[in-house]
Amino acid sequence: MVEEDRYCVDVLMQTAAVRSALKAVERLLIEDHTSHCLEAAIQSGDPDEQRAKFKEMVTLLEKARDS
């Protein structure tokens, strides 16, 4: 769109739509990680695995929030 010299507002609308779509994908991935990996760690009863998965989740949430 930029190379085609499209109207700036149109380009900005498209970038906003792309950001929104990526945030939706991030939410789905976080939900999936929670449903599978974090839940498996909890069910395992292994405190080290639970801590590791919890730390991963915190890191994922921080990165998703900051983006």
C-alpha atoms as a PDB file:
ATOM      1  CA  MET A   1       0.000   0.000   0.000  1.00  0.00           C
ATOM      2  CA  VAL A   2       2.866   2.371   0.763  1.00  0.00           C
ATOM      3  CA  GLU A   3       4.573   1.535  -2.521  1.00  0.00           C
ATOM      4  CA  GLU A   4       1.271   2.206  -4.278  1.00  0.00           C
ATOM      5  CA  ASP A   5       1.169   5.627  -2.583  1.00  0.00           C
ATOM      6  CA  ARG A   6      -2.165   4.846  -0.957  1.00  0.00           C
ATOM      7  CA  TYR A   7      -3.820   7.364   1.353  1.00  0.00           C
ATOM      8  CA  CYS A   8      -2.093   7.450   4.765  1.00  0.00           C
ATOM      9  CA  VAL A   9      -5.295   6.840   6.699  1.00  0.00           C
ATOM     10  CA  ASP A  10      -5.965   3.676   4.686  1.00  0.00           C
ATOM     11  CA  VAL A  11      -2.471   2.389   5.441  1.00  0.00           C
ATOM     12  CA  LEU A  12      -2.881   3.162   9.139  1.00  0.00           C
ATOM     13  CA  MET A  13      -6.241   1.383   9.194  1.00  0.00           C
ATOM     14  CA  GLN A  14      -4.581  -1.693   7.726  1.00  0.00           C
ATOM     15  CA  THR A  15      -1.732  -1.639  10.246  1.00  0.00           C
ATOM     16  CA  ALA A  16      -4.287  -1.332  13.062  1.00  0.00           C
ATOM     17  CA  ALA A  17      -6.167  -4.332  11.665  1.00  0.00           C
ATOM     18  CA  VAL A  18      -2.950  -6.372  11.483  1.00  0.00           C
ATOM     19  CA  ARG A  19      -2.059  -5.478  15.097  1.00  0.00           C
ATOM     20  CA  SER A  20      -5.536  -6.476  16.216  1.00  0.00           C
ATOM     21  CA  ALA A  21      -5.296  -9.803  14.403  1.00  0.00           C
ATOM     22  CA  LEU A  22      -1.881 -10.534  15.931  1.00  0.00           C
ATOM     23  CA  LYS A  23      -3.175  -9.748  19.417  1.00  0.00           C
ATOM     24  CA  ALA A  24      -6.022 -12.199  18.835  1.00  0.00           C
ATOM     25  CA  VAL A  25      -3.511 -14.876  17.827  1.00  0.00           C
ATOM     26  CA  GLU A  26      -1.426 -14.110  20.934  1.00  0.00           C
ATOM     27  CA  ARG A  27      -4.507 -14.534  23.134  1.00  0.00           C
ATOM     28  CA  LEU A  28      -5.259 -17.892  21.532  1.00  0.00           C
ATOM     29  CA  LEU A  29      -1.680 -19.077  22.012  1.00  0.00           C
ATOM     30  CA  ILE A  30      -1.673 -17.997  25.652  1.00  0.00           C
ATOM     31  CA  GLU A  31      -4.968 -19.800  26.216  1.00  0.00           C
ATOM     32  CA  ASP A  32      -3.579 -22.904  24.510  1.00  0.00           C
ATOM     33  CA  HIS A  33      -0.378 -22.789  26.571  1.00  0.00           C
ATOM     34  CA  THR A  34      -2.438 -22.473  29.743  1.00  0.00           C
ATOM     35  CA  SER A  35      -4.808 -25.269  28.780  1.00  0.00           C
ATOM     36  CA  HIS A  36      -2.081 -27.714  27.866  1.00  0.00           C
ATOM     37  CA  CYS A  37       1.397 -26.947  29.151  1.00  0.00           C
ATOM     38  CA  LEU A  38       0.541 -25.177  32.395  1.00  0.00           C
ATOM     39  CA  GLU A  39      -2.262 -27.598  33.209  1.00  0.00           C
ATOM     40  CA  ALA A  40       0.044 -30.573  32.558  1.00  0.00           C
ATOM     41  CA  ALA A  41       2.646 -29.091  34.894  1.00  0.00           C
ATOM     42  CA  ILE A  42       0.042 -28.659  37.625  1.00  0.00           C
ATOM     43  CA  GLN A  43      -1.205 -32.202  37.189  1.00  0.00           C
ATOM     44  CA  SER A  44       2.337 -33.577  37.214  1.00  0.00           C
ATOM     45  CA  GLY A  45       2.785 -32.577  40.838  1.00  0.00           C
ATOM     46  CA  ASP A  46       6.402 -31.637  40.058  1.00  0.00           C
ATOM     47  CA  PRO A  47       7.099 -28.287  41.796  1.00  0.00           C
ATOM     48  CA  ASP A  48      10.082 -27.502  39.538  1.00  0.00           C
ATOM     49  CA  GLU A  49       8.030 -28.049  36.387  1.00  0.00           C
ATOM     50  CA  GLN A  50       5.174 -26.018  37.867  1.00  0.00           C
ATOM     51  CA  ARG A  51       7.507 -23.110  38.664  1.00  0.00           C
ATOM     52  CA  ALA A  52       9.072 -23.256  35.190  1.00  0.00           C
ATOM     53  CA  LYS A  53       5.710 -23.200  33.422  1.00  0.00           C
ATOM     54  CA  PHE A  54       4.447 -20.439  35.700  1.00  0.00           C
ATOM     55  CA  LYS A  55       7.522 -18.327  34.899  1.00  0.00           C
ATOM     56  CA  GLU A  56       6.965 -18.978  31.190  1.00  0.00           C
ATOM     57  CA  MET A  57       3.387 -17.794  31.533  1.00  0.00           C
ATOM     58  CA  VAL A  58       4.420 -14.609  33.340  1.00  0.00           C
ATOM     59  CA  THR A  59       6.985 -13.891  30.620  1.00  0.00           C
ATOM     60  CA  LEU A  60       4.410 -14.510  27.875  1.00  0.00           C
ATOM     61  CA  LEU A  61       1.904 -12.200  29.535  1.00  0.00           C
ATOM     62  CA  GLU A  62       4.505  -9.467  29.991  1.00  0.00           C
ATOM     63  CA  LYS A  63       5.541  -9.670  26.345  1.00  0.00           C
ATOM     64  CA  ALA A  64       1.923  -9.675  25.173  1.00  0.00           C
ATOM     65  CA  ARG A  65       1.156  -6.665  27.362  1.00  0.00           C
ATOM     66  CA  ASP A  66       4.197  -4.729  26.178  1.00  0.00           C
ATOM     67  CA  SER A  67       3.530  -5.262  22.505  1.00  0.00           C
END
